Amino acid sequence: MKINQIRVGGFYVNEKKGLIREIMSGEGDEHIFWRSYHLDDGEPVAHRRSCCSKQAILRWADREADAVEIARLQRAEAHAQEQEEGRELINEVLKQVPDKMFQAEVRRRGLMKDS
Protein backbone atom coordinates (compact mmCIF):
# COMPACT_ATOMS: atom_id res chain seq x y z
CA MET A 1 0.00 0.00 0.00
CA LYS A 2 0.93 3.63 -0.50
CA ILE A 3 0.19 6.57 1.75
CA ASN A 4 -2.35 8.03 -0.69
CA GLN A 5 -4.41 4.84 -0.27
CA ILE A 6 -5.01 5.63 3.41
CA ARG A 7 -8.30 7.52 3.34
CA VAL A 8 -11.26 8.47 5.51
CA GLY A 9 -13.83 5.70 5.23
CA GLY A 10 -11.15 3.07 4.57
CA PHE A 11 -10.68 -0.19 6.49
CA TYR A 12 -7.22 -1.64 7.11
CA VAL A 13 -6.14 -5.01 8.51
CA ASN A 14 -3.28 -6.04 10.78
CA GLU A 15 -3.16 -9.83 10.49
CA LYS A 16 -0.85 -10.47 13.45
CA LYS A 17 -2.98 -8.43 15.85
CA GLY A 18 -6.23 -9.69 14.33
CA LEU A 19 -7.64 -6.18 14.03
CA ILE A 20 -9.33 -3.95 11.49
CA ARG A 21 -9.09 -0.17 11.80
CA GLU A 22 -11.82 2.01 10.37
CA ILE A 23 -10.61 5.50 9.48
CA MET A 24 -13.30 7.79 10.90
CA SER A 25 -11.93 11.23 10.08
CA GLY A 26 -8.74 13.00 9.29
CA GLU A 27 -7.06 16.36 9.30
CA GLY A 28 -4.25 16.22 6.77
CA ASP A 29 -1.69 13.44 6.91
CA GLU A 30 -0.84 13.82 10.60
CA HIS A 31 -4.18 13.47 12.41
CA ILE A 32 -6.14 10.38 11.38
CA PHE A 33 -8.86 9.23 13.79
CA TRP A 34 -9.77 5.54 13.81
CA ARG A 35 -11.58 2.85 15.75
CA SER A 36 -10.79 -0.86 15.84
CA TYR A 37 -12.69 -4.11 15.44
CA HIS A 38 -11.68 -7.72 15.97
CA LEU A 39 -10.95 -9.29 12.60
CA ASP A 40 -12.46 -12.68 13.44
CA ASP A 41 -15.95 -11.60 14.57
CA GLY A 42 -16.27 -7.86 13.79
CA GLU A 43 -16.82 -6.90 17.44
CA PRO A 44 -15.67 -3.36 18.23
CA VAL A 45 -12.64 -3.05 20.49
CA ALA A 46 -13.77 -1.36 23.69
CA HIS A 47 -11.84 1.90 23.71
CA ARG A 48 -12.33 5.39 22.45
CA ARG A 49 -11.23 6.56 19.07
CA SER A 50 -7.52 6.97 18.66
CA CYS A 51 -5.39 9.24 16.53
CA CYS A 52 -2.16 8.81 14.60
CA SER A 53 -0.59 9.79 11.29
CA LYS A 54 -1.29 8.25 7.88
CA GLN A 55 2.32 7.04 7.97
CA ALA A 56 1.64 5.15 11.22
CA ILE A 57 -1.46 3.50 9.70
CA LEU A 58 0.59 2.56 6.66
CA ARG A 59 3.22 0.88 8.89
CA TRP A 60 0.53 -0.82 11.01
CA ALA A 61 -1.63 -2.21 8.20
CA ASP A 62 -0.83 -5.31 6.20
CA ARG A 63 -3.60 -4.67 3.67
CA GLU A 64 -7.02 -3.17 3.06
CA ALA A 65 -9.99 -5.13 4.41
CA ASP A 66 -12.09 -7.00 1.88
CA ALA A 67 -15.86 -6.64 1.43
CA VAL A 68 -16.68 -9.73 3.53
CA GLU A 69 -14.57 -8.49 6.45
CA ILE A 70 -16.14 -5.04 6.26
CA ALA A 71 -19.67 -6.48 6.14
CA ARG A 72 -18.97 -8.46 9.34
CA LEU A 73 -18.08 -5.33 11.34
CA GLN A 74 -20.56 -4.40 14.04
CA ARG A 75 -20.45 -0.71 13.30
CA ALA A 76 -23.80 0.09 14.96
CA GLU A 77 -22.51 -1.40 18.21
CA ALA A 78 -19.29 0.63 17.91
CA HIS A 79 -21.38 3.78 17.39
CA ALA A 80 -23.51 2.94 20.44
CA GLN A 81 -20.34 2.43 22.51
CA GLU A 82 -19.06 5.83 21.41
CA GLN A 83 -22.37 7.45 22.33
CA GLU A 84 -22.22 5.90 25.82
CA GLU A 85 -18.58 6.92 26.28
CA GLY A 86 -19.55 10.45 25.23
CA ARG A 87 -22.31 10.58 27.84
CA GLU A 88 -19.87 9.35 30.49
CA LEU A 89 -17.37 12.06 29.54
CA ILE A 90 -20.08 14.74 29.67
CA ASN A 91 -21.09 13.60 33.14
CA GLU A 92 -17.46 13.79 34.31
CA VAL A 93 -17.04 17.28 32.84
CA LEU A 94 -20.30 18.49 34.39
CA LYS A 95 -19.11 17.35 37.82
CA GLN A 96 -16.13 19.69 37.43
CA VAL A 97 -18.09 22.78 36.35
CA PRO A 98 -18.67 25.24 39.19
CA ASP A 99 -22.36 25.72 40.00
CA LYS A 100 -22.25 29.45 39.19
CA MET A 101 -20.86 28.79 35.73
CA PHE A 102 -23.39 26.03 35.10
CA GLN A 103 -26.31 28.21 36.26
CA ALA A 104 -25.11 31.10 34.08
CA GLU A 105 -25.08 28.82 31.03
CA VAL A 106 -28.56 27.51 31.84
CA ARG A 107 -29.83 31.11 32.09
CA ARG A 108 -28.03 32.08 28.85
CA ARG A 109 -29.90 29.31 27.07
CA GLY A 110 -33.20 30.45 28.58
CA LEU A 111 -33.72 27.18 30.43
CA MET A 112 -34.13 28.76 33.84
CA LYS A 113 -35.70 32.02 34.96
CA ASP A 114 -33.69 34.29 37.23
CA SER A 115 -34.83 34.01 40.84
C-alpha atoms as a PDB file:
ATOM      1  CA  MET A   1       0.000   0.000   0.000  1.00  0.00           C
ATOM      2  CA  LYS A   2       0.933   3.629  -0.496  1.00  0.00           C
ATOM      3  CA  ILE A   3       0.188   6.575   1.755  1.00  0.00           C
ATOM      4  CA  ASN A   4      -2.346   8.031  -0.689  1.00  0.00           C
ATOM      5  CA  GLN A   5      -4.406   4.835  -0.273  1.00  0.00           C
ATOM      6  CA  ILE A   6      -5.012   5.630   3.414  1.00  0.00           C
ATOM      7  CA  ARG A   7      -8.300   7.522   3.344  1.00  0.00           C
ATOM      8  CA  VAL A   8     -11.256   8.474   5.511  1.00  0.00           C
ATOM      9  CA  GLY A   9     -13.835   5.696   5.234  1.00  0.00           C
ATOM     10  CA  GLY A  10     -11.148   3.075   4.570  1.00  0.00           C
ATOM     11  CA  PHE A  11     -10.681  -0.190   6.491  1.00  0.00           C
ATOM     12  CA  TYR A  12      -7.222  -1.639   7.115  1.00  0.00           C
ATOM     13  CA  VAL A  13      -6.135  -5.010   8.507  1.00  0.00           C
ATOM     14  CA  ASN A  14      -3.278  -6.038  10.781  1.00  0.00           C
ATOM     15  CA  GLU A  15      -3.162  -9.828  10.486  1.00  0.00           C
ATOM     16  CA  LYS A  16      -0.850 -10.471  13.447  1.00  0.00           C
ATOM     17  CA  LYS A  17      -2.975  -8.426  15.853  1.00  0.00           C
ATOM     18  CA  GLY A  18      -6.226  -9.692  14.335  1.00  0.00           C
ATOM     19  CA  LEU A  19      -7.641  -6.177  14.031  1.00  0.00           C
ATOM     20  CA  ILE A  20      -9.335  -3.947  11.494  1.00  0.00           C
ATOM     21  CA  ARG A  21      -9.092  -0.175  11.799  1.00  0.00           C
ATOM     22  CA  GLU A  22     -11.817   2.011  10.375  1.00  0.00           C
ATOM     23  CA  ILE A  23     -10.613   5.504   9.480  1.00  0.00           C
ATOM     24  CA  MET A  24     -13.299   7.794  10.896  1.00  0.00           C
ATOM     25  CA  SER A  25     -11.931  11.230  10.078  1.00  0.00           C
ATOM     26  CA  GLY A  26      -8.741  13.003   9.286  1.00  0.00           C
ATOM     27  CA  GLU A  27      -7.065  16.363   9.305  1.00  0.00           C
ATOM     28  CA  GLY A  28      -4.252  16.223   6.766  1.00  0.00           C
ATOM     29  CA  ASP A  29      -1.694  13.437   6.915  1.00  0.00           C
ATOM     30  CA  GLU A  30      -0.844  13.821  10.602  1.00  0.00           C
ATOM     31  CA  HIS A  31      -4.179  13.465  12.407  1.00  0.00           C
ATOM     32  CA  ILE A  32      -6.136  10.382  11.376  1.00  0.00           C
ATOM     33  CA  PHE A  33      -8.863   9.234  13.791  1.00  0.00           C
ATOM     34  CA  TRP A  34      -9.769   5.541  13.808  1.00  0.00           C
ATOM     35  CA  ARG A  35     -11.577   2.846  15.746  1.00  0.00           C
ATOM     36  CA  SER A  36     -10.791  -0.862  15.842  1.00  0.00           C
ATOM     37  CA  TYR A  37     -12.693  -4.106  15.439  1.00  0.00           C
ATOM     38  CA  HIS A  38     -11.683  -7.719  15.975  1.00  0.00           C
ATOM     39  CA  LEU A  39     -10.952  -9.295  12.603  1.00  0.00           C
ATOM     40  CA  ASP A  40     -12.465 -12.682  13.440  1.00  0.00           C
ATOM     41  CA  ASP A  41     -15.952 -11.601  14.567  1.00  0.00           C
ATOM     42  CA  GLY A  42     -16.271  -7.864  13.789  1.00  0.00           C
ATOM     43  CA  GLU A  43     -16.820  -6.902  17.441  1.00  0.00           C
ATOM     44  CA  PRO A  44     -15.665  -3.363  18.230  1.00  0.00           C
ATOM     45  CA  VAL A  45     -12.640  -3.053  20.486  1.00  0.00           C
ATOM     46  CA  ALA A  46     -13.766  -1.357  23.693  1.00  0.00           C
ATOM     47  CA  HIS A  47     -11.843   1.900  23.707  1.00  0.00           C
ATOM     48  CA  ARG A  48     -12.331   5.394  22.451  1.00  0.00           C
ATOM     49  CA  ARG A  49     -11.229   6.565  19.066  1.00  0.00           C
ATOM     50  CA  SER A  50      -7.520   6.974  18.659  1.00  0.00           C
ATOM     51  CA  CYS A  51      -5.388   9.241  16.528  1.00  0.00           C
ATOM     52  CA  CYS A  52      -2.156   8.807  14.597  1.00  0.00           C
ATOM     53  CA  SER A  53      -0.585   9.792  11.287  1.00  0.00           C
ATOM     54  CA  LYS A  54      -1.288   8.249   7.884  1.00  0.00           C
ATOM     55  CA  GLN A  55       2.325   7.041   7.972  1.00  0.00           C
ATOM     56  CA  ALA A  56       1.638   5.149  11.225  1.00  0.00           C
ATOM     57  CA  ILE A  57      -1.461   3.501   9.704  1.00  0.00           C
ATOM     58  CA  LEU A  58       0.592   2.558   6.664  1.00  0.00           C
ATOM     59  CA  ARG A  59       3.223   0.884   8.888  1.00  0.00           C
ATOM     60  CA  TRP A  60       0.530  -0.818  11.007  1.00  0.00           C
ATOM     61  CA  ALA A  61      -1.634  -2.206   8.196  1.00  0.00           C
ATOM     62  CA  ASP A  62      -0.832  -5.313   6.198  1.00  0.00           C
ATOM     63  CA  ARG A  63      -3.599  -4.673   3.671  1.00  0.00           C
ATOM     64  CA  GLU A  64      -7.019  -3.168   3.060  1.00  0.00           C
ATOM     65  CA  ALA A  65      -9.986  -5.127   4.414  1.00  0.00           C
ATOM     66  CA  ASP A  66     -12.087  -7.004   1.880  1.00  0.00           C
ATOM     67  CA  ALA A  67     -15.860  -6.642   1.431  1.00  0.00           C
ATOM     68  CA  VAL A  68     -16.682  -9.726   3.527  1.00  0.00           C
ATOM     69  CA  GLU A  69     -14.569  -8.490   6.455  1.00  0.00           C
ATOM     70  CA  ILE A  70     -16.140  -5.038   6.263  1.00  0.00           C
ATOM     71  CA  ALA A  71     -19.674  -6.481   6.144  1.00  0.00           C
ATOM     72  CA  ARG A  72     -18.969  -8.458   9.340  1.00  0.00           C
ATOM     73  CA  LEU A  73     -18.079  -5.328  11.340  1.00  0.00           C
ATOM     74  CA  GLN A  74     -20.556  -4.397  14.038  1.00  0.00           C
ATOM     75  CA  ARG A  75     -20.449  -0.707  13.301  1.00  0.00           C
ATOM     76  CA  ALA A  76     -23.797   0.087  14.958  1.00  0.00           C
ATOM     77  CA  GLU A  77     -22.508  -1.398  18.208  1.00  0.00           C
ATOM     78  CA  ALA A  78     -19.290   0.634  17.911  1.00  0.00           C
ATOM     79  CA  HIS A  79     -21.379   3.782  17.388  1.00  0.00           C
ATOM     80  CA  ALA A  80     -23.508   2.944  20.442  1.00  0.00           C
ATOM     81  CA  GLN A  81     -20.339   2.432  22.511  1.00  0.00           C
ATOM     82  CA  GLU A  82     -19.057   5.826  21.407  1.00  0.00           C
ATOM     83  CA  GLN A  83     -22.371   7.453  22.331  1.00  0.00           C
ATOM     84  CA  GLU A  84     -22.223   5.896  25.817  1.00  0.00           C
ATOM     85  CA  GLU A  85     -18.584   6.918  26.275  1.00  0.00           C
ATOM     86  CA  GLY A  86     -19.550  10.450  25.231  1.00  0.00           C
ATOM     87  CA  ARG A  87     -22.305  10.577  27.844  1.00  0.00           C
ATOM     88  CA  GLU A  88     -19.867   9.355  30.494  1.00  0.00           C
ATOM     89  CA  LEU A  89     -17.374  12.064  29.535  1.00  0.00           C
ATOM     90  CA  ILE A  90     -20.080  14.738  29.666  1.00  0.00           C
ATOM     91  CA  ASN A  91     -21.086  13.602  33.145  1.00  0.00           C
ATOM     92  CA  GLU A  92     -17.460  13.793  34.309  1.00  0.00           C
ATOM     93  CA  VAL A  93     -17.042  17.280  32.844  1.00  0.00           C
ATOM     94  CA  LEU A  94     -20.302  18.494  34.389  1.00  0.00           C
ATOM     95  CA  LYS A  95     -19.112  17.348  37.823  1.00  0.00           C
ATOM     96  CA  GLN A  96     -16.129  19.688  37.433  1.00  0.00           C
ATOM     97  CA  VAL A  97     -18.088  22.777  36.350  1.00  0.00           C
ATOM     98  CA  PRO A  98     -18.674  25.236  39.191  1.00  0.00           C
ATOM     99  CA  ASP A  99     -22.362  25.719  39.998  1.00  0.00           C
ATOM    100  CA  LYS A 100     -22.254  29.454  39.194  1.00  0.00           C
ATOM    101  CA  MET A 101     -20.863  28.786  35.734  1.00  0.00           C
ATOM    102  CA  PHE A 102     -23.395  26.030  35.103  1.00  0.00           C
ATOM    103  CA  GLN A 103     -26.309  28.215  36.264  1.00  0.00           C
ATOM    104  CA  ALA A 104     -25.111  31.103  34.076  1.00  0.00           C
ATOM    105  CA  GLU A 105     -25.082  28.816  31.033  1.00  0.00           C
ATOM    106  CA  VAL A 106     -28.565  27.513  31.839  1.00  0.00           C
ATOM    107  CA  ARG A 107     -29.826  31.110  32.087  1.00  0.00           C
ATOM    108  CA  ARG A 108     -28.031  32.083  28.848  1.00  0.00           C
ATOM    109  CA  ARG A 109     -29.895  29.308  27.071  1.00  0.00           C
ATOM    110  CA  GLY A 110     -33.199  30.449  28.582  1.00  0.00           C
ATOM    111  CA  LEU A 111     -33.721  27.178  30.425  1.00  0.00           C
ATOM    112  CA  MET A 112     -34.134  28.764  33.844  1.00  0.00           C
ATOM    113  CA  LYS A 113     -35.700  32.017  34.958  1.00  0.00           C
ATOM    114  CA  ASP A 114     -33.690  34.288  37.235  1.00  0.00           C
ATOM    115  CA  SER A 115     -34.833  34.008  40.836  1.00  0.00           C
END
